[in-house]
């Protein structure tokens, strides 16, 4: 990278940090610090929520998916447009009316204090892995900036350095600004993500060496896709997979049923996803923000998928060595293109877009986890033991310390998930989304019981949370495959979109076994 590129990147980071400290003085209590005082404009919240939905998993993982596979991954975002209105209609009004800082406070109103604490603990554990995975994926962009092109697969040691650097930077400005600052920062970052993505798309198309639209389409239709670690002939423009199978994630039935239920669970039980909506001025504005965030994610995801497809055509036609390198490991294909193929200055601007994606999801996760830890666990437990919790100023100060602590812990889990993904052999997106099911499966069962029935108590809720985790664990390919082979003589596995619905259904039944007091 040239000096001008570093100057642009450093200026961007300084702007984020200054915005965080600019909003620091506006946080007079926990309602301000964690929920923005419920005063945020709808359009800003919609952009911020879209940025959290897109995240580094989409910006860096989608080009990898487009290079390795086809366009069927887009069906996951389509399923969000089905689940989003359902959440806006059925769930947000009830959660919004709750006076609790986090959505787990609603569980206390319905099922008692123990359920609130258990739900918060499961959320925190789930976020350690899922947001750790987001951070690890985001750090691939920093890896490309700092260490340039590698001759083969990504160097794990240098990737760890990138994770540590990115985690520390995100923690600093998240600690300063609170949720109000983060909403504006995330909205700005989304605009940067979209703007630089469109520029990158045009540059990649121009680099194809004068190929006509027909030539590009033909190359993609008669292209190659990666299946089970091997490359086979396949249509890279395929959008809809109508096969009736449960071992592939993005076919029609998987998208319309499995992915929709997963998205419903995500936007109902994950405080990281729904926290921004609860900063709106009214429940109607919160519902609109939820729907718009899902709709906006479709064209953005499509652009990044197509960039990966075009890079497949480009390297296949012009650079056999690079093509072979990315056939082996395409996780950093988009960051490496920016670092190696663009002129200085423009390269710095494009890297700012990558960093915006890298930071947008991680900082929101830190704030959501801190809000849950402080308001669901730390302060209530201190009060129950008769210890002083201080005035509002002291509570905000202690919350900032918790943000720093959680940011550091999440950074450590970013390193752990990087190791897990490398050993799993899964692509970035499937790994990041699949790991979320461990928390969502039990949580959605408990929330559905609390929201729509008069059943359930603390004991049945805890049993339901454990059931959800256990079901998802059994459905892991390394468990389910050998188990079904031993029982039925045939190896059978379920794709990740089905883990959460099955676990959620069983956990709902378990939670309903309890009689509500």
Protein backbone atom coordinates (compact mmCIF):
# COMPACT_ATOMS: atom_id res chain seq x y z
CA UNK A 1 0.00 0.00 0.00
CA UNK A 2 1.16 3.52 -0.82
CA UNK A 3 1.39 6.36 1.69
CA UNK A 4 -1.77 8.03 0.35
CA UNK A 5 -3.72 4.80 0.94
CA UNK A 6 -2.58 4.64 4.55
CA UNK A 7 -3.49 8.30 5.06
CA UNK A 8 -7.03 7.69 3.77
CA UNK A 9 -7.49 4.63 5.99
CA UNK A 10 -6.12 6.36 9.10
CA UNK A 11 -8.32 9.41 8.51
CA UNK A 12 -11.36 7.12 8.28
CA UNK A 13 -10.51 5.44 11.57
CA UNK A 14 -9.96 8.83 13.23
CA UNK A 15 -13.39 9.98 12.00
CA UNK A 16 -15.04 6.91 13.57
CA UNK A 17 -13.27 7.43 16.88
CA UNK A 18 -14.11 11.15 16.94
CA UNK A 19 -17.78 10.38 16.18
CA UNK A 20 -17.82 7.96 19.09
CA UNK A 21 -16.44 10.54 21.50
CA UNK A 22 -18.72 13.22 20.00
CA UNK A 23 -21.76 11.27 21.21
CA UNK A 24 -20.14 10.39 24.54
CA UNK A 25 -21.53 13.45 26.33
CA UNK A 26 -25.09 12.64 25.20
CA UNK A 27 -25.21 9.43 27.26
CA UNK A 28 -26.67 10.47 30.61
CA UNK A 29 -28.16 7.08 31.59
CA UNK A 30 -28.36 3.46 30.49
CA UNK A 31 -31.42 4.15 28.32
CA UNK A 32 -29.30 6.62 26.32
CA UNK A 33 -26.16 4.49 26.28
CA UNK A 34 -27.79 1.21 25.19
CA UNK A 35 -31.03 2.29 23.45
CA UNK A 36 -30.24 5.74 22.12
CA UNK A 37 -32.99 7.26 24.27
CA UNK A 38 -35.52 5.84 21.77
CA UNK A 39 -35.02 8.94 19.67
CA UNK A 40 -33.39 7.71 16.46
CA UNK A 41 -34.83 8.53 12.99
CA UNK A 42 -36.32 5.61 11.06
CA UNK A 43 -34.09 5.95 8.00
CA UNK A 44 -30.91 6.07 10.07
CA UNK A 45 -31.93 2.95 12.01
CA UNK A 46 -32.84 1.14 8.76
CA UNK A 47 -29.39 1.89 7.31
CA UNK A 48 -27.64 0.91 10.54
CA UNK A 49 -29.61 -2.36 10.79
CA UNK A 50 -28.83 -3.14 7.15
CA UNK A 51 -25.15 -2.58 7.88
CA UNK A 52 -25.35 -5.02 10.78
CA UNK A 53 -27.23 -7.51 8.57
CA UNK A 54 -24.71 -7.18 5.73
CA UNK A 55 -21.59 -7.28 7.93
CA UNK A 56 -18.18 -8.51 6.86
CA UNK A 57 -19.64 -11.97 6.27
CA UNK A 58 -21.46 -10.63 3.22
CA UNK A 59 -18.81 -8.20 1.98
CA UNK A 60 -15.94 -10.68 2.18
CA UNK A 61 -17.79 -14.01 2.23
CA UNK A 62 -20.14 -13.34 -0.71
CA UNK A 63 -17.34 -12.82 -3.27
CA UNK A 64 -15.86 -16.11 -2.03
CA UNK A 65 -19.29 -17.71 -2.49
CA UNK A 66 -19.69 -16.19 -5.96
CA UNK A 67 -16.26 -17.47 -7.00
CA UNK A 68 -16.78 -20.97 -5.60
CA UNK A 69 -20.48 -21.53 -6.24
CA UNK A 70 -23.52 -19.82 -7.81
CA UNK A 71 -26.18 -17.26 -6.86
CA UNK A 72 -28.43 -19.50 -4.76
CA UNK A 73 -27.05 -17.92 -1.56
CA UNK A 74 -29.18 -14.88 -2.43
CA UNK A 75 -32.22 -16.92 -1.31
CA UNK A 76 -31.08 -16.40 2.29
CA UNK A 77 -31.67 -12.66 1.95
CA UNK A 78 -34.99 -13.34 0.23
CA UNK A 79 -36.04 -15.41 3.23
CA UNK A 80 -35.25 -12.39 5.39
CA UNK A 81 -37.89 -10.43 3.47
CA UNK A 82 -40.43 -13.07 4.51
CA UNK A 83 -39.30 -13.28 8.11
CA UNK A 84 -38.83 -9.52 8.58
CA UNK A 85 -42.53 -8.55 8.22
CA UNK A 86 -43.51 -11.44 10.48
CA UNK A 87 -41.16 -10.19 13.19
CA UNK A 88 -42.39 -6.62 12.67
CA UNK A 89 -46.00 -7.73 13.04
CA UNK A 90 -45.84 -10.42 15.72
CA UNK A 91 -42.79 -9.68 17.85
CA UNK A 92 -41.58 -6.07 17.77
CA UNK A 93 -44.80 -4.55 19.23
CA UNK A 94 -44.56 -6.75 22.33
CA UNK A 95 -40.82 -6.26 22.80
CA UNK A 96 -41.06 -2.52 22.17
CA UNK A 97 -43.69 -2.05 24.87
CA UNK A 98 -41.46 -3.73 27.42
CA UNK A 99 -39.68 -1.29 29.73
CA UNK A 100 -36.57 -3.47 29.86
CA UNK A 101 -33.29 -2.28 28.31
CA UNK A 102 -32.78 -5.62 26.52
CA UNK A 103 -35.23 -8.09 24.99
CA UNK A 104 -34.31 -10.60 27.70
CA UNK A 105 -35.94 -8.30 30.23
CA UNK A 106 -39.20 -9.26 28.52
CA UNK A 107 -38.56 -12.87 29.52
CA UNK A 108 -38.40 -11.77 33.15
CA UNK A 109 -41.84 -10.17 32.84
CA UNK A 110 -43.27 -13.42 31.45
CA UNK A 111 -41.20 -16.25 32.97
CA UNK A 112 -39.26 -14.78 35.87
CA UNK A 113 -35.81 -13.46 36.76
CA UNK A 114 -34.03 -16.80 36.36
CA UNK A 115 -35.25 -17.09 32.77
CA UNK A 116 -34.00 -13.58 32.00
CA UNK A 117 -30.55 -14.41 33.32
CA UNK A 118 -30.43 -17.77 31.55
CA UNK A 119 -31.51 -16.19 28.26
CA UNK A 120 -28.87 -13.50 28.60
CA UNK A 121 -26.16 -16.08 29.33
CA UNK A 122 -27.10 -18.14 26.25
CA UNK A 123 -27.13 -14.98 24.13
CA UNK A 124 -23.70 -13.96 25.41
CA UNK A 125 -22.21 -17.40 24.76
CA UNK A 126 -23.75 -17.55 21.30
CA UNK A 127 -22.50 -14.07 20.45
CA UNK A 128 -18.98 -14.91 21.58
CA UNK A 129 -18.83 -17.46 18.77
CA UNK A 130 -20.97 -15.76 16.11
CA UNK A 131 -19.48 -12.28 16.54
CA UNK A 132 -16.06 -13.81 16.96
CA UNK A 133 -16.62 -15.39 13.55
CA UNK A 134 -17.68 -12.01 12.11
CA UNK A 135 -14.53 -10.40 13.49
CA UNK A 136 -12.32 -13.13 12.08
CA UNK A 137 -13.93 -12.74 8.64
CA UNK A 138 -13.59 -8.96 8.84
CA UNK A 139 -9.91 -9.27 9.74
CA UNK A 140 -9.24 -10.88 6.35
CA UNK A 141 -9.50 -7.37 4.88
CA UNK A 142 -6.93 -6.07 7.36
CA UNK A 143 -4.76 -9.09 6.56
CA UNK A 144 -4.75 -8.14 2.87
CA UNK A 145 -3.85 -4.54 3.74
CA UNK A 146 -1.00 -5.35 6.09
CA UNK A 147 0.56 -8.46 4.58
CA UNK A 148 -0.32 -8.25 0.89
CA UNK A 149 -0.52 -11.25 -1.42
CA UNK A 150 0.43 -14.68 -0.17
CA UNK A 151 1.56 -17.44 -2.44
CA UNK A 152 -1.05 -19.88 -1.21
CA UNK A 153 -3.55 -20.14 1.61
CA UNK A 154 -3.95 -17.39 4.21
CA UNK A 155 -1.19 -17.36 6.81
CA UNK A 156 -2.89 -18.09 10.15
CA UNK A 157 -0.34 -16.25 12.30
CA UNK A 158 -0.67 -13.01 10.31
CA UNK A 159 -4.45 -13.39 10.37
CA UNK A 160 -4.31 -13.47 14.18
CA UNK A 161 -2.39 -10.18 14.22
CA UNK A 162 -5.09 -8.66 12.01
CA UNK A 163 -7.88 -9.87 14.32
CA UNK A 164 -6.19 -8.32 17.37
CA UNK A 165 -5.68 -4.96 15.67
CA UNK A 166 -9.22 -4.72 14.34
CA UNK A 167 -10.77 -5.81 17.64
CA UNK A 168 -8.91 -3.15 19.63
CA UNK A 169 -9.87 -0.33 17.24
CA UNK A 170 -13.56 -1.29 17.23
CA UNK A 171 -13.63 -1.56 21.02
CA UNK A 172 -12.28 1.97 21.51
CA UNK A 173 -14.95 3.91 19.61
CA UNK A 174 -17.75 1.56 20.67
CA UNK A 175 -16.88 2.25 24.30
CA UNK A 176 -17.03 6.00 23.75
CA UNK A 177 -20.22 6.63 21.80
CA UNK A 178 -22.81 4.17 23.08
CA UNK A 179 -25.72 3.00 20.91
CA UNK A 180 -26.68 6.46 19.65
CA UNK A 181 -23.22 7.03 18.26
CA UNK A 182 -23.11 3.51 16.80
CA UNK A 183 -26.37 3.94 14.91
CA UNK A 184 -25.01 6.97 13.05
CA UNK A 185 -21.62 5.33 12.56
CA UNK A 186 -23.21 2.15 11.18
CA UNK A 187 -25.39 4.20 8.79
CA UNK A 188 -22.30 6.01 7.51
CA UNK A 189 -20.44 2.74 7.14
CA UNK A 190 -23.26 1.20 5.08
CA UNK A 191 -23.15 4.12 2.64
CA UNK A 192 -19.40 3.59 2.29
CA UNK A 193 -19.89 -0.15 1.77
CA UNK A 194 -22.45 0.34 -1.00
CA UNK A 195 -20.57 3.18 -2.72
CA UNK A 196 -17.22 1.38 -2.83
CA UNK A 197 -18.90 -1.89 -3.88
CA UNK A 198 -20.44 -0.25 -6.94
CA UNK A 199 -17.09 1.26 -7.87
CA UNK A 200 -15.38 -2.12 -7.45
CA UNK A 201 -18.01 -3.82 -9.60
CA UNK A 202 -17.39 -1.37 -12.45
CA UNK A 203 -13.61 -1.78 -12.15
CA UNK A 204 -13.82 -5.58 -12.18
CA UNK A 205 -16.05 -5.49 -15.26
CA UNK A 206 -13.62 -3.12 -17.01
CA UNK A 207 -10.72 -5.46 -16.21
CA UNK A 208 -12.28 -8.34 -18.18
CA UNK A 209 -10.39 -7.24 -21.27
CA UNK A 210 -13.25 -6.19 -23.50
CA UNK A 211 -15.32 -9.34 -23.11
CA UNK A 212 -18.90 -8.82 -24.25
CA UNK A 213 -21.88 -9.39 -22.00
CA UNK A 214 -22.66 -12.53 -23.96
CA UNK A 215 -19.14 -13.89 -23.47
CA UNK A 216 -19.29 -13.26 -19.72
CA UNK A 217 -22.70 -14.86 -19.37
CA UNK A 218 -21.59 -17.87 -21.42
CA UNK A 219 -18.47 -18.28 -19.29
CA UNK A 220 -20.58 -18.26 -16.14
CA UNK A 221 -23.31 -20.58 -17.41
CA UNK A 222 -20.65 -23.10 -18.49
CA UNK A 223 -18.47 -22.46 -15.47
CA UNK A 224 -17.35 -24.50 -12.48
CA UNK A 225 -18.57 -24.78 -8.90
CA UNK A 226 -16.96 -26.29 -5.83
CA UNK A 227 -18.74 -29.29 -4.34
CA UNK A 228 -17.34 -31.37 -1.51
CA UNK A 229 -13.89 -29.89 -2.01
CA UNK A 230 -13.78 -30.74 -5.74
CA UNK A 231 -14.46 -28.51 -8.75
CA UNK A 232 -17.17 -29.70 -11.16
CA UNK A 233 -19.00 -28.18 -14.11
CA UNK A 234 -21.92 -25.99 -13.08
CA UNK A 235 -24.01 -22.93 -13.86
CA UNK A 236 -22.67 -20.05 -11.77
CA UNK A 237 -25.73 -17.91 -12.58
CA UNK A 238 -28.19 -20.41 -11.11
CA UNK A 239 -30.46 -18.57 -8.67
CA UNK A 240 -33.15 -21.12 -7.79
CA UNK A 241 -32.41 -24.72 -6.86
CA UNK A 242 -35.70 -26.63 -6.95
CA UNK A 243 -34.25 -29.92 -5.72
CA UNK A 244 -36.15 -31.45 -2.80
CA UNK A 245 -33.14 -32.09 -0.57
CA UNK A 246 -32.36 -31.32 3.03
CA UNK A 247 -28.59 -31.64 2.85
CA UNK A 248 -28.05 -28.46 0.80
CA UNK A 249 -28.66 -25.04 2.37
CA UNK A 250 -29.99 -22.74 -0.33
CA UNK A 251 -32.44 -24.75 -2.43
CA UNK A 252 -36.04 -23.56 -2.66
CA UNK A 253 -37.42 -25.53 0.28
CA UNK A 254 -34.39 -24.70 2.40
CA UNK A 255 -34.78 -20.99 1.67
CA UNK A 256 -38.54 -20.65 1.99
CA UNK A 257 -38.82 -22.80 5.12
CA UNK A 258 -35.48 -23.44 6.84
CA UNK A 259 -33.83 -20.06 6.17
CA UNK A 260 -37.06 -18.15 6.84
CA UNK A 261 -37.46 -19.78 10.25
CA UNK A 262 -33.77 -19.17 10.97
CA UNK A 263 -34.15 -15.48 10.07
CA UNK A 264 -37.29 -15.24 12.19
CA UNK A 265 -35.38 -16.69 15.15
CA UNK A 266 -32.42 -14.41 14.53
CA UNK A 267 -34.47 -11.21 14.42
CA UNK A 268 -36.57 -12.24 17.43
CA UNK A 269 -34.06 -13.60 19.93
CA UNK A 270 -30.73 -11.98 19.04
CA UNK A 271 -30.37 -8.65 20.84
CA UNK A 272 -27.56 -7.83 18.41
CA UNK A 273 -30.05 -7.85 15.51
CA UNK A 274 -33.07 -6.23 17.15
CA UNK A 275 -31.36 -3.67 19.39
CA UNK A 276 -31.23 -0.98 16.68
CA UNK A 277 -34.99 -1.30 16.07
CA UNK A 278 -35.69 -0.56 19.73
CA UNK A 279 -33.97 2.84 19.41
CA UNK A 280 -36.78 4.16 17.16
CA UNK A 281 -39.32 6.74 18.35
CA UNK A 282 -42.33 4.43 17.97
CA UNK A 283 -43.21 0.80 17.39
CA UNK A 284 -44.40 1.61 13.85
CA UNK A 285 -41.05 3.18 12.96
CA UNK A 286 -39.26 0.20 14.49
CA UNK A 287 -41.30 -2.19 12.31
CA UNK A 288 -40.54 -0.15 9.16
CA UNK A 289 -36.83 -0.20 9.98
CA UNK A 290 -36.91 -3.97 10.36
CA UNK A 291 -38.59 -4.49 6.97
CA UNK A 292 -36.41 -2.01 5.10
CA UNK A 293 -33.22 -3.51 6.52
CA UNK A 294 -34.16 -6.90 5.04
CA UNK A 295 -35.19 -5.47 1.66
CA UNK A 296 -32.02 -3.39 1.26
CA UNK A 297 -29.83 -6.40 1.91
CA UNK A 298 -30.95 -8.16 -1.32
CA UNK A 299 -29.38 -5.86 -3.98
CA UNK A 300 -26.27 -5.30 -1.83
CA UNK A 301 -25.68 -9.04 -1.43
CA UNK A 302 -26.28 -9.59 -5.15
CA UNK A 303 -23.56 -7.07 -6.06
CA UNK A 304 -20.98 -8.86 -3.91
CA UNK A 305 -21.97 -12.28 -5.24
CA UNK A 306 -21.62 -11.08 -8.83
CA UNK A 307 -18.22 -9.58 -8.04
CA UNK A 308 -17.01 -13.04 -7.06
CA UNK A 309 -18.50 -14.49 -10.27
CA UNK A 310 -16.76 -11.84 -12.40
CA UNK A 311 -13.44 -12.47 -10.64
CA UNK A 312 -13.86 -16.15 -11.55
CA UNK A 313 -14.15 -15.16 -15.22
CA UNK A 314 -11.29 -12.67 -14.99
CA UNK A 315 -8.70 -14.95 -13.40
CA UNK A 316 -9.76 -17.97 -15.44
CA UNK A 317 -9.19 -16.02 -18.65
CA UNK A 318 -6.17 -13.88 -17.80
CA UNK A 319 -4.20 -15.23 -14.81
CA UNK A 320 -3.97 -19.04 -14.46
CA UNK A 321 -1.67 -18.83 -11.43
CA UNK A 322 -4.07 -16.60 -9.49
CA UNK A 323 -6.99 -18.74 -10.61
CA UNK A 324 -5.35 -21.87 -9.20
CA UNK A 325 -4.50 -20.03 -5.97
CA UNK A 326 -8.11 -18.94 -5.43
CA UNK A 327 -9.48 -22.32 -6.38
CA UNK A 328 -7.59 -23.58 -3.33
CA UNK A 329 -8.58 -20.72 -1.00
CA UNK A 330 -10.80 -17.82 -2.11
CA UNK A 331 -11.51 -16.34 1.32
CA UNK A 332 -9.50 -13.18 0.60
CA UNK A 333 -10.22 -12.85 -3.12
CA UNK A 334 -12.00 -9.48 -2.88
CA UNK A 335 -9.53 -7.76 -0.48
CA UNK A 336 -6.60 -9.05 -2.53
CA UNK A 337 -8.12 -7.68 -5.73
CA UNK A 338 -8.41 -4.26 -4.13
CA UNK A 339 -4.84 -4.33 -2.81
CA UNK A 340 -3.23 -5.56 -6.03
CA UNK A 341 -5.32 -4.36 -8.97
CA UNK A 342 -6.30 -0.79 -8.07
CA UNK A 343 -4.21 2.40 -8.29
CA UNK A 344 -3.12 4.19 -5.14
CA UNK A 345 -5.66 6.59 -3.70
CA UNK A 346 -8.56 4.66 -5.13
CA UNK A 347 -7.18 1.61 -3.34
CA UNK A 348 -7.33 3.48 -0.04
CA UNK A 349 -10.94 4.52 -0.62
CA UNK A 350 -11.92 0.94 -1.44
CA UNK A 351 -10.18 -0.34 1.67
CA UNK A 352 -12.19 2.16 3.71
CA UNK A 353 -15.32 0.44 2.39
CA UNK A 354 -13.91 -2.92 3.47
CA UNK A 355 -13.08 -1.63 6.93
CA UNK A 356 -16.57 -0.14 7.21
CA UNK A 357 -18.02 -3.58 6.63
CA UNK A 358 -15.51 -5.11 9.00
CA UNK A 359 -16.38 -2.78 11.86
CA UNK A 360 -20.13 -2.32 11.39
CA UNK A 361 -21.18 -5.70 12.76
CA UNK A 362 -18.50 -6.08 15.41
CA UNK A 363 -19.14 -2.77 17.17
CA UNK A 364 -22.89 -3.43 17.34
CA UNK A 365 -22.22 -6.87 18.80
CA UNK A 366 -20.02 -5.39 21.52
CA UNK A 367 -22.70 -2.88 22.50
CA UNK A 368 -25.49 -5.48 22.45
CA UNK A 369 -23.51 -7.90 24.60
CA UNK A 370 -22.51 -5.19 27.05
CA UNK A 371 -26.11 -4.02 27.39
CA UNK A 372 -27.26 -7.56 28.13
CA UNK A 373 -24.46 -8.27 30.60
CA UNK A 374 -24.90 -4.99 32.50
CA UNK A 375 -28.70 -4.77 32.64
CA UNK A 376 -29.62 -8.47 32.77
CA UNK A 377 -26.81 -9.83 34.95
CA UNK A 378 -24.38 -7.39 36.55
CA UNK A 379 -26.69 -4.71 38.00
CA UNK A 380 -29.59 -7.05 38.99
CA UNK A 381 -27.22 -9.44 40.74
CA UNK A 382 -25.56 -6.58 42.66
CA UNK A 383 -28.97 -5.26 43.69
CA UNK A 384 -30.15 -8.70 44.81
CA UNK A 385 -27.10 -8.92 47.08
CA UNK A 386 -27.76 -5.49 48.58
CA UNK A 387 -24.73 -3.86 46.97
CA UNK A 388 -24.71 -0.28 45.72
CA UNK A 389 -25.14 0.13 41.93
CA UNK A 390 -24.38 3.86 41.96
CA UNK A 391 -26.17 6.72 40.25
CA UNK A 392 -26.88 6.93 36.50
CA UNK A 393 -23.49 8.47 35.77
CA UNK A 394 -21.71 5.67 37.62
CA UNK A 395 -23.77 3.05 35.77
CA UNK A 396 -22.80 4.51 32.39
CA UNK A 397 -19.14 4.58 33.47
CA UNK A 398 -19.23 0.95 34.58
CA UNK A 399 -20.94 0.05 31.30
CA UNK A 400 -18.01 1.52 29.40
CA UNK A 401 -15.64 -0.72 31.33
CA UNK A 402 -17.84 -3.69 30.43
CA UNK A 403 -17.71 -2.71 26.75
CA UNK A 404 -13.91 -2.77 26.89
CA UNK A 405 -13.89 -6.13 28.66
CA UNK A 406 -16.33 -7.72 26.23
CA UNK A 407 -14.48 -6.24 23.26
CA UNK A 408 -11.28 -7.91 24.43
CA UNK A 409 -13.02 -11.24 25.07
CA UNK A 410 -14.68 -11.11 21.64
CA UNK A 411 -11.31 -10.44 20.06
CA UNK A 412 -9.96 -13.59 21.70
CA UNK A 413 -12.93 -15.56 20.37
CA UNK A 414 -12.22 -14.13 16.92
CA UNK A 415 -8.91 -15.97 17.04
CA UNK A 416 -10.65 -19.14 18.26
CA UNK A 417 -13.28 -19.10 15.49
CA UNK A 418 -10.57 -18.52 12.88
CA UNK A 419 -8.99 -21.77 14.02
CA UNK A 420 -12.39 -23.54 14.04
CA UNK A 421 -13.28 -22.40 10.50
CA UNK A 422 -9.92 -23.45 9.13
CA UNK A 423 -10.37 -26.94 10.59
CA UNK A 424 -14.03 -27.24 9.52
CA UNK A 425 -13.39 -26.72 5.80
CA UNK A 426 -16.70 -24.77 5.51
CA UNK A 427 -16.91 -21.56 3.52
CA UNK A 428 -17.02 -18.32 5.48
CA UNK A 429 -20.76 -17.64 5.23
CA UNK A 430 -21.98 -21.15 6.07
CA UNK A 431 -19.61 -21.29 9.04
CA UNK A 432 -20.70 -17.90 10.41
CA UNK A 433 -24.43 -18.53 10.02
CA UNK A 434 -24.41 -22.14 11.13
CA UNK A 435 -22.66 -21.39 14.40
CA UNK A 436 -25.46 -18.96 15.36
CA UNK A 437 -27.97 -21.82 15.52
CA UNK A 438 -26.56 -23.04 18.84
CA UNK A 439 -28.02 -20.00 20.61
CA UNK A 440 -31.08 -19.40 18.42
CA UNK A 441 -32.59 -22.90 18.62
CA UNK A 442 -33.32 -22.86 22.34
CA UNK A 443 -34.00 -19.13 22.51
CA UNK A 444 -36.72 -19.13 19.84
CA UNK A 445 -38.56 -21.91 21.67
CA UNK A 446 -38.51 -19.94 24.92
CA UNK A 447 -39.52 -16.67 23.25
CA UNK A 448 -42.41 -18.28 21.35
CA UNK A 449 -43.66 -19.81 24.58
CA UNK A 450 -43.42 -16.45 26.38
CA UNK A 451 -44.90 -14.40 23.55
CA UNK A 452 -47.81 -16.54 22.43
CA UNK A 453 -48.78 -18.95 25.22
CA UNK A 454 -49.57 -18.84 28.92
CA UNK A 455 -47.28 -21.78 29.63
CA UNK A 456 -43.68 -22.04 30.76
CA UNK A 457 -41.67 -21.27 33.87
CA UNK A 458 -38.03 -20.84 34.81
CA UNK A 459 -37.30 -24.56 35.06
CA UNK A 460 -38.91 -25.45 31.71
CA UNK A 461 -37.23 -22.44 30.05
CA UNK A 462 -33.77 -23.55 31.17
CA UNK A 463 -34.54 -27.11 30.03
CA UNK A 464 -35.65 -25.70 26.66
CA UNK A 465 -32.42 -23.71 26.25
CA UNK A 466 -30.37 -26.84 26.95
CA UNK A 467 -32.54 -28.85 24.55
CA UNK A 468 -31.95 -26.39 21.73
CA UNK A 469 -28.19 -26.50 22.13
CA UNK A 470 -28.19 -30.31 22.38
CA UNK A 471 -30.30 -30.74 19.22
CA UNK A 472 -28.04 -28.46 17.17
CA UNK A 473 -24.99 -30.30 18.47
CA UNK A 474 -26.44 -33.67 17.40
CA UNK A 475 -27.24 -32.26 13.95
CA UNK A 476 -23.63 -31.24 13.30
CA UNK A 477 -22.27 -33.17 10.29
CA UNK A 478 -19.43 -34.69 12.30
CA UNK A 479 -22.01 -36.08 14.76
CA UNK A 480 -25.10 -36.70 12.63
CA UNK A 481 -23.21 -38.38 9.77
CA UNK A 482 -21.52 -41.16 11.77
CA UNK A 483 -24.61 -41.58 13.98
CA UNK A 484 -27.02 -42.15 11.07
CA UNK A 485 -24.51 -44.41 9.36
CA UNK A 486 -24.29 -46.56 12.49
CA UNK A 487 -28.07 -46.67 12.95
CA UNK A 488 -29.34 -46.92 9.37
CA UNK A 489 -26.30 -47.95 7.34
CA UNK A 490 -26.37 -44.70 5.38
CA UNK A 491 -24.69 -41.39 6.13
CA UNK A 492 -27.28 -38.58 6.33
CA UNK A 493 -26.77 -34.93 7.24
CA UNK A 494 -28.99 -31.85 7.45
CA UNK A 495 -27.87 -28.49 6.05
CA UNK A 496 -27.46 -25.71 8.63
CA UNK A 497 -30.78 -23.86 7.90
CA UNK A 498 -32.68 -26.82 9.39
CA UNK A 499 -30.76 -26.95 12.67
CA UNK A 500 -32.50 -23.96 14.24
CA UNK A 501 -36.10 -24.86 13.21
CA UNK A 502 -35.80 -28.43 14.53
CA UNK A 503 -34.09 -27.35 17.73
CA UNK A 504 -36.60 -24.52 18.16
CA UNK A 505 -39.60 -26.80 17.73
CA UNK A 506 -38.37 -29.26 20.36
CA UNK A 507 -37.34 -26.50 22.77
CA UNK A 508 -40.77 -24.86 22.39
CA UNK A 509 -42.42 -28.13 23.38
CA UNK A 510 -40.12 -28.50 26.38
CA UNK A 511 -40.73 -24.92 27.53
CA UNK A 512 -44.50 -25.38 27.30
CA UNK A 513 -44.32 -28.33 29.69
CA UNK A 514 -43.89 -25.92 32.58
CA UNK A 515 -46.87 -24.27 34.24
CA UNK A 516 -46.62 -20.50 34.44
CA UNK A 517 -47.03 -18.98 37.87
